[in-house]
C-alpha atoms as a PDB file:
ATOM      1  CA  MET A   1     -68.473 130.755  21.775  1.00  0.00           C
ATOM      2  CA  THR A   2     -71.225 131.890  19.457  1.00  0.00           C
ATOM      3  CA  GLU A   3     -73.986 129.650  18.635  1.00  0.00           C
ATOM      4  CA  LEU A   4     -73.068 129.615  15.016  1.00  0.00           C
ATOM      5  CA  PHE A   5     -69.544 128.553  15.794  1.00  0.00           C
ATOM      6  CA  GLN A   6     -70.832 125.698  18.084  1.00  0.00           C
ATOM      7  CA  LYS A   7     -73.176 124.504  15.314  1.00  0.00           C
ATOM      8  CA  SER A   8     -70.248 124.574  12.849  1.00  0.00           C
ATOM      9  CA  ILE A   9     -68.071 122.515  15.172  1.00  0.00           C
ATOM     10  CA  TRP A  10     -70.891 119.874  15.562  1.00  0.00           C
ATOM     11  CA  ILE A  11     -71.405 119.728  11.840  1.00  0.00           C
ATOM     12  CA  VAL A  12     -67.706 119.131  11.394  1.00  0.00           C
ATOM     13  CA  ILE A  13     -67.662 116.432  14.049  1.00  0.00           C
ATOM     14  CA  PHE A  14     -70.732 114.638  12.692  1.00  0.00           C
ATOM     15  CA  SER A  15     -69.417 114.897   9.138  1.00  0.00           C
ATOM     16  CA  TRP A  16     -66.062 113.498  10.254  1.00  0.00           C
ATOM     17  CA  LEU A  17     -67.822 110.670  12.211  1.00  0.00           C
ATOM     18  CA  ALA A  18     -70.048 109.835   9.222  1.00  0.00           C
ATOM     19  CA  LEU A  19     -67.019 109.726   6.902  1.00  0.00           C
ATOM     20  CA  PHE A  20     -65.100 107.600   9.382  1.00  0.00           C
ATOM     21  CA  CYS A  21     -67.997 105.157   9.794  1.00  0.00           C
ATOM     22  CA  MET A  22     -68.533 104.842   6.123  1.00  0.00           C
ATOM     23  CA  CYS A  23     -64.937 103.999   5.581  1.00  0.00           C
ATOM     24  CA  THR A  24     -64.538 101.413   8.307  1.00  0.00           C
ATOM     25  CA  ILE A  25     -67.838  99.504   8.100  1.00  0.00           C
ATOM     26  CA  GLU A  26     -67.521  96.694   5.610  1.00  0.00           C
ATOM     27  CA  SER A  27     -70.634  95.303   3.981  1.00  0.00           C
ATOM     28  CA  PRO A  28     -71.065  91.553   4.659  1.00  0.00           C
ATOM     29  CA  VAL A  29     -70.094  89.091   2.024  1.00  0.00           C
ATOM     30  CA  THR A  30     -73.145  87.436   0.533  1.00  0.00           C
ATOM     31  CA  GLU A  31     -73.184  84.297  -1.365  1.00  0.00           C
ATOM     32  CA  THR A  32     -74.863  84.186  -4.816  1.00  0.00           C
ATOM     33  CA  GLU A  33     -77.641  81.683  -5.447  1.00  0.00           C
ATOM     34  CA  THR A  34     -75.339  79.687  -7.698  1.00  0.00           C
ATOM     35  CA  GLU A  35     -72.804  79.388  -4.796  1.00  0.00           C
ATOM     36  CA  ILE A  36     -75.494  78.256  -2.393  1.00  0.00           C
ATOM     37  CA  GLU A  37     -76.718  75.735  -4.948  1.00  0.00           C
ATOM     38  CA  ALA A  38     -73.311  74.374  -5.495  1.00  0.00           C
ATOM     39  CA  LYS A  39     -72.838  73.337  -1.819  1.00  0.00           C
ATOM     40  CA  THR A  40     -73.199  69.593  -1.461  1.00  0.00           C
ATOM     41  CA  GLU A  41     -71.715  68.770   1.910  1.00  0.00           C
ATOM     42  CA  VAL A  42     -74.006  67.508   4.603  1.00  0.00           C
ATOM     43  CA  ASN A  43     -73.367  67.103   8.326  1.00  0.00           C
ATOM     44  CA  LYS A  44     -73.614  63.386   8.832  1.00  0.00           C
ATOM     45  CA  VAL A  45     -73.159  63.631  12.588  1.00  0.00           C
ATOM     46  CA  LEU A  46     -76.105  66.047  12.889  1.00  0.00           C
ATOM     47  CA  LEU A  47     -78.243  63.961  10.584  1.00  0.00           C
ATOM     48  CA  LEU A  48     -77.577  60.839  12.534  1.00  0.00           C
ATOM     49  CA  GLN A  49     -78.355  62.650  15.812  1.00  0.00           C
ATOM     50  CA  LEU A  50     -81.612  64.062  14.423  1.00  0.00           C
ATOM     51  CA  VAL A  51     -82.851  60.766  12.965  1.00  0.00           C
ATOM     52  CA  ASN A  52     -81.661  58.661  16.003  1.00  0.00           C
ATOM     53  CA  SER A  53     -83.274  61.158  18.445  1.00  0.00           C
ATOM     54  CA  TYR A  54     -86.691  60.354  16.796  1.00  0.00           C
ATOM     55  CA  ARG A  55     -85.941  56.649  16.723  1.00  0.00           C
ATOM     56  CA  ALA A  56     -85.042  56.661  20.376  1.00  0.00           C
ATOM     57  CA  SER A  57     -88.149  58.438  21.524  1.00  0.00           C
ATOM     58  CA  GLY A  58     -90.800  56.963  19.203  1.00  0.00           C
ATOM     59  CA  CYS A  59     -92.897  58.973  16.832  1.00  0.00           C
ATOM     60  CA  ASP A  60     -96.476  59.417  15.683  1.00  0.00           C
ATOM     61  CA  CYS A  61     -96.265  59.196  11.896  1.00  0.00           C
ATOM     62  CA  GLY A  62     -99.881  60.189  11.282  1.00  0.00           C
ATOM     63  CA  SER A  63    -101.705  57.897   8.924  1.00  0.00           C
ATOM     64  CA  GLU A  64     -98.746  55.445   9.144  1.00  0.00           C
ATOM     65  CA  GLY A  65     -99.371  55.084  12.815  1.00  0.00           C
ATOM     66  CA  TYR A  66     -97.249  55.339  15.920  1.00  0.00           C
ATOM     67  CA  TYR A  67     -93.748  53.857  15.946  1.00  0.00           C
ATOM     68  CA  ALA A  68     -92.387  52.791  19.283  1.00  0.00           C
ATOM     69  CA  PRO A  69     -88.754  53.570  20.096  1.00  0.00           C
ATOM     70  CA  THR A  70     -86.301  51.544  18.126  1.00  0.00           C
ATOM     71  CA  THR A  71     -82.594  50.993  17.638  1.00  0.00           C
ATOM     72  CA  PRO A  72     -80.454  53.730  16.141  1.00  0.00           C
ATOM     73  CA  VAL A  73     -79.233  53.586  12.532  1.00  0.00           C
ATOM     74  CA  THR A  74     -75.575  53.919  11.597  1.00  0.00           C
ATOM     75  CA  TRP A  75     -74.004  55.934   8.775  1.00  0.00           C
ATOM     76  CA  ASN A  76     -73.151  54.118   5.607  1.00  0.00           C
ATOM     77  CA  ASP A  77     -70.951  55.737   3.058  1.00  0.00           C
ATOM     78  CA  THR A  78     -72.362  53.578   0.195  1.00  0.00           C
ATOM     79  CA  LEU A  79     -75.806  54.700   0.928  1.00  0.00           C
ATOM     80  CA  ALA A  80     -74.677  58.300   1.064  1.00  0.00           C
ATOM     81  CA  LEU A  81     -72.963  57.882  -2.351  1.00  0.00           C
ATOM     82  CA  VAL A  82     -76.081  56.476  -3.868  1.00  0.00           C
ATOM     83  CA  ALA A  83     -78.060  59.252  -2.366  1.00  0.00           C
ATOM     84  CA  LYS A  84     -75.565  61.798  -3.761  1.00  0.00           C
ATOM     85  CA  ASP A  85     -75.899  60.475  -7.203  1.00  0.00           C
ATOM     86  CA  HIS A  86     -79.651  60.614  -7.144  1.00  0.00           C
ATOM     87  CA  SER A  87     -79.637  64.172  -5.731  1.00  0.00           C
ATOM     88  CA  GLU A  88     -77.229  65.230  -8.456  1.00  0.00           C
ATOM     89  CA  ASP A  89     -79.255  63.619 -11.082  1.00  0.00           C
ATOM     90  CA  MET A  90     -82.514  65.469  -9.885  1.00  0.00           C
ATOM     91  CA  PHE A  91     -80.552  68.763  -9.583  1.00  0.00           C
ATOM     92  CA  LYS A  92     -78.769  68.637 -12.957  1.00  0.00           C
ATOM     93  CA  ASN A  93     -81.748  67.341 -14.856  1.00  0.00           C
ATOM     94  CA  LYS A  94     -84.329  69.493 -13.028  1.00  0.00           C
ATOM     95  CA  PHE A  95     -86.778  66.867 -11.931  1.00  0.00           C
ATOM     96  CA  PHE A  96     -88.058  65.529  -8.538  1.00  0.00           C
ATOM     97  CA  SER A  97     -88.903  61.900  -8.347  1.00  0.00           C
ATOM     98  CA  HIS A  98     -87.884  58.538  -6.860  1.00  0.00           C
ATOM     99  CA  THR A  99     -87.401  57.422 -10.402  1.00  0.00           C
ATOM    100  CA  GLY A 100     -83.983  58.538 -11.804  1.00  0.00           C
ATOM    101  CA  SER A 101     -83.547  60.139 -15.238  1.00  0.00           C
ATOM    102  CA  ASP A 102     -82.486  56.725 -16.578  1.00  0.00           C
ATOM    103  CA  ASN A 103     -85.707  55.228 -15.120  1.00  0.00           C
ATOM    104  CA  SER A 104     -83.834  53.626 -12.195  1.00  0.00           C
ATOM    105  CA  ASN A 105     -85.388  53.076  -8.821  1.00  0.00           C
ATOM    106  CA  PRO A 106     -83.609  53.114  -5.401  1.00  0.00           C
ATOM    107  CA  GLY A 107     -83.151  49.337  -5.515  1.00  0.00           C
ATOM    108  CA  THR A 108     -81.359  49.338  -8.916  1.00  0.00           C
ATOM    109  CA  ARG A 109     -79.293  52.303  -7.875  1.00  0.00           C
ATOM    110  CA  LEU A 110     -78.146  50.409  -4.733  1.00  0.00           C
ATOM    111  CA  GLU A 111     -77.302  47.345  -6.831  1.00  0.00           C
ATOM    112  CA  ARG A 112     -75.025  49.494  -9.082  1.00  0.00           C
ATOM    113  CA  TYR A 113     -72.953  50.139  -5.979  1.00  0.00           C
ATOM    114  CA  ASN A 114     -72.968  46.486  -4.848  1.00  0.00           C
ATOM    115  CA  TYR A 115     -75.084  47.217  -1.745  1.00  0.00           C
ATOM    116  CA  ASP A 116     -76.608  43.684  -1.237  1.00  0.00           C
ATOM    117  CA  TRP A 117     -79.910  45.021   0.217  1.00  0.00           C
ATOM    118  CA  ARG A 118     -82.610  43.004   2.004  1.00  0.00           C
ATOM    119  CA  THR A 119     -84.738  46.114   2.471  1.00  0.00           C
ATOM    120  CA  TYR A 120     -84.452  49.782   1.692  1.00  0.00           C
ATOM    121  CA  GLY A 121     -86.312  53.046   1.901  1.00  0.00           C
ATOM    122  CA  GLU A 122     -85.824  56.382   0.248  1.00  0.00           C
ATOM    123  CA  ASN A 123     -86.915  59.887   1.216  1.00  0.00           C
ATOM    124  CA  ILE A 124     -86.407  62.899  -1.179  1.00  0.00           C
ATOM    125  CA  ALA A 125     -86.998  66.562  -0.510  1.00  0.00           C
ATOM    126  CA  TYR A 126     -86.494  69.870  -2.334  1.00  0.00           C
ATOM    127  CA  GLY A 127     -85.980  73.362  -1.088  1.00  0.00           C
ATOM    128  CA  HIS A 128     -84.247  72.909   2.303  1.00  0.00           C
ATOM    129  CA  GLN A 129     -81.021  74.560   3.295  1.00  0.00           C
ATOM    130  CA  THR A 130     -80.361  72.783   6.589  1.00  0.00           C
ATOM    131  CA  GLU A 131     -80.268  69.256   7.893  1.00  0.00           C
ATOM    132  CA  LYS A 132     -82.641  70.213  10.599  1.00  0.00           C
ATOM    133  CA  SER A 133     -85.273  71.608   8.320  1.00  0.00           C
ATOM    134  CA  VAL A 134     -85.208  68.641   5.974  1.00  0.00           C
ATOM    135  CA  ILE A 135     -85.495  66.072   8.820  1.00  0.00           C
ATOM    136  CA  GLU A 136     -88.321  68.057  10.367  1.00  0.00           C
ATOM    137  CA  ASP A 137     -90.148  68.181   7.077  1.00  0.00           C
ATOM    138  CA  TRP A 138     -89.828  64.471   6.537  1.00  0.00           C
ATOM    139  CA  ILE A 139     -91.023  63.752  10.113  1.00  0.00           C
ATOM    140  CA  LYS A 140     -94.222  65.668   9.295  1.00  0.00           C
ATOM    141  CA  SER A 141     -94.873  63.520   6.255  1.00  0.00           C
ATOM    142  CA  PRO A 142     -96.368  60.052   7.196  1.00  0.00           C
ATOM    143  CA  GLY A 143     -94.508  57.975   4.544  1.00  0.00           C
ATOM    144  CA  HIS A 144     -91.216  59.729   5.095  1.00  0.00           C
ATOM    145  CA  CYS A 145     -91.582  59.577   8.910  1.00  0.00           C
ATOM    146  CA  SER A 146     -92.242  55.819   8.515  1.00  0.00           C
ATOM    147  CA  ASN A 147     -88.989  55.365   6.686  1.00  0.00           C
ATOM    148  CA  ILE A 148     -87.228  57.269   9.493  1.00  0.00           C
ATOM    149  CA  MET A 149     -88.895  55.119  12.095  1.00  0.00           C
ATOM    150  CA  THR A 150     -88.875  51.641  10.514  1.00  0.00           C
ATOM    151  CA  PRO A 151     -87.020  49.323  12.930  1.00  0.00           C
ATOM    152  CA  ASN A 152     -85.966  47.078   9.984  1.00  0.00           C
ATOM    153  CA  PHE A 153     -83.614  49.706   8.688  1.00  0.00           C
ATOM    154  CA  LYS A 154     -80.031  49.511  10.151  1.00  0.00           C
ATOM    155  CA  GLU A 155     -78.040  51.957   8.054  1.00  0.00           C
ATOM    156  CA  MET A 156     -78.546  55.428   6.543  1.00  0.00           C
ATOM    157  CA  GLY A 157     -76.911  57.783   4.145  1.00  0.00           C
ATOM    158  CA  VAL A 158     -77.971  61.273   3.032  1.00  0.00           C
ATOM    159  CA  ALA A 159     -76.764  63.642   0.380  1.00  0.00           C
ATOM    160  CA  LYS A 160     -77.813  66.811  -1.327  1.00  0.00           C
ATOM    161  CA  ALA A 161     -77.114  68.691  -4.477  1.00  0.00           C
ATOM    162  CA  GLY A 162     -78.285  72.216  -4.397  1.00  0.00           C
ATOM    163  CA  SER A 163     -81.593  72.014  -2.707  1.00  0.00           C
ATOM    164  CA  CYS A 164     -82.267  68.398  -3.788  1.00  0.00           C
ATOM    165  CA  TRP A 165     -81.943  65.974  -0.855  1.00  0.00           C
ATOM    166  CA  THR A 166     -81.961  62.197  -0.863  1.00  0.00           C
ATOM    167  CA  GLN A 167     -81.992  60.018   2.255  1.00  0.00           C
ATOM    168  CA  LEU A 168     -81.499  56.238   1.862  1.00  0.00           C
ATOM    169  CA  PHE A 169     -82.173  53.637   4.488  1.00  0.00           C
ATOM    170  CA  GLY A 170     -81.079  50.048   4.171  1.00  0.00           C
ATOM    171  CA  THR A 171     -80.408  46.723   5.663  1.00  0.00           C
ATOM    172  CA  ARG A 172     -78.049  44.207   4.008  1.00  0.00           C
ATOM    173  CA  LYS A 173     -78.822  40.591   3.378  1.00  0.00           C
END
């Protein structure tokens, strides 16, 4: 075979392979920012595991001090619903605060859902996409860490709307 013929064969083979590869490789489906923002489901099992792992081992909450190991919290659907309402309020009305757009505070929001609280605590966060990242961020913040570690809290609920997260702790009367 002549050198020119061999080069021609290789060009045909490479062209065919390139064409074949272009036709069979599919581009990955990517979600739009709107689709990501619309996701509101949280993994409550993972959230409980993460929070209770810190509670079981104790934690240094910086200026709030060291918290010794304490009892686990349990999931409460009412707390999660109140958290969801607050996260949706922040997301839809484009604000970030413990005070709701209607000037409510966590206590009044809990009372709306007949959660007869003795004590409560609320953590909020913005910009996180995963349960792990939001819990790790709260643990790094002394006040939020204190809420996670407070032994007086017996129940927890967490929700998000877009990138707005709310975590509520409570103990009933």
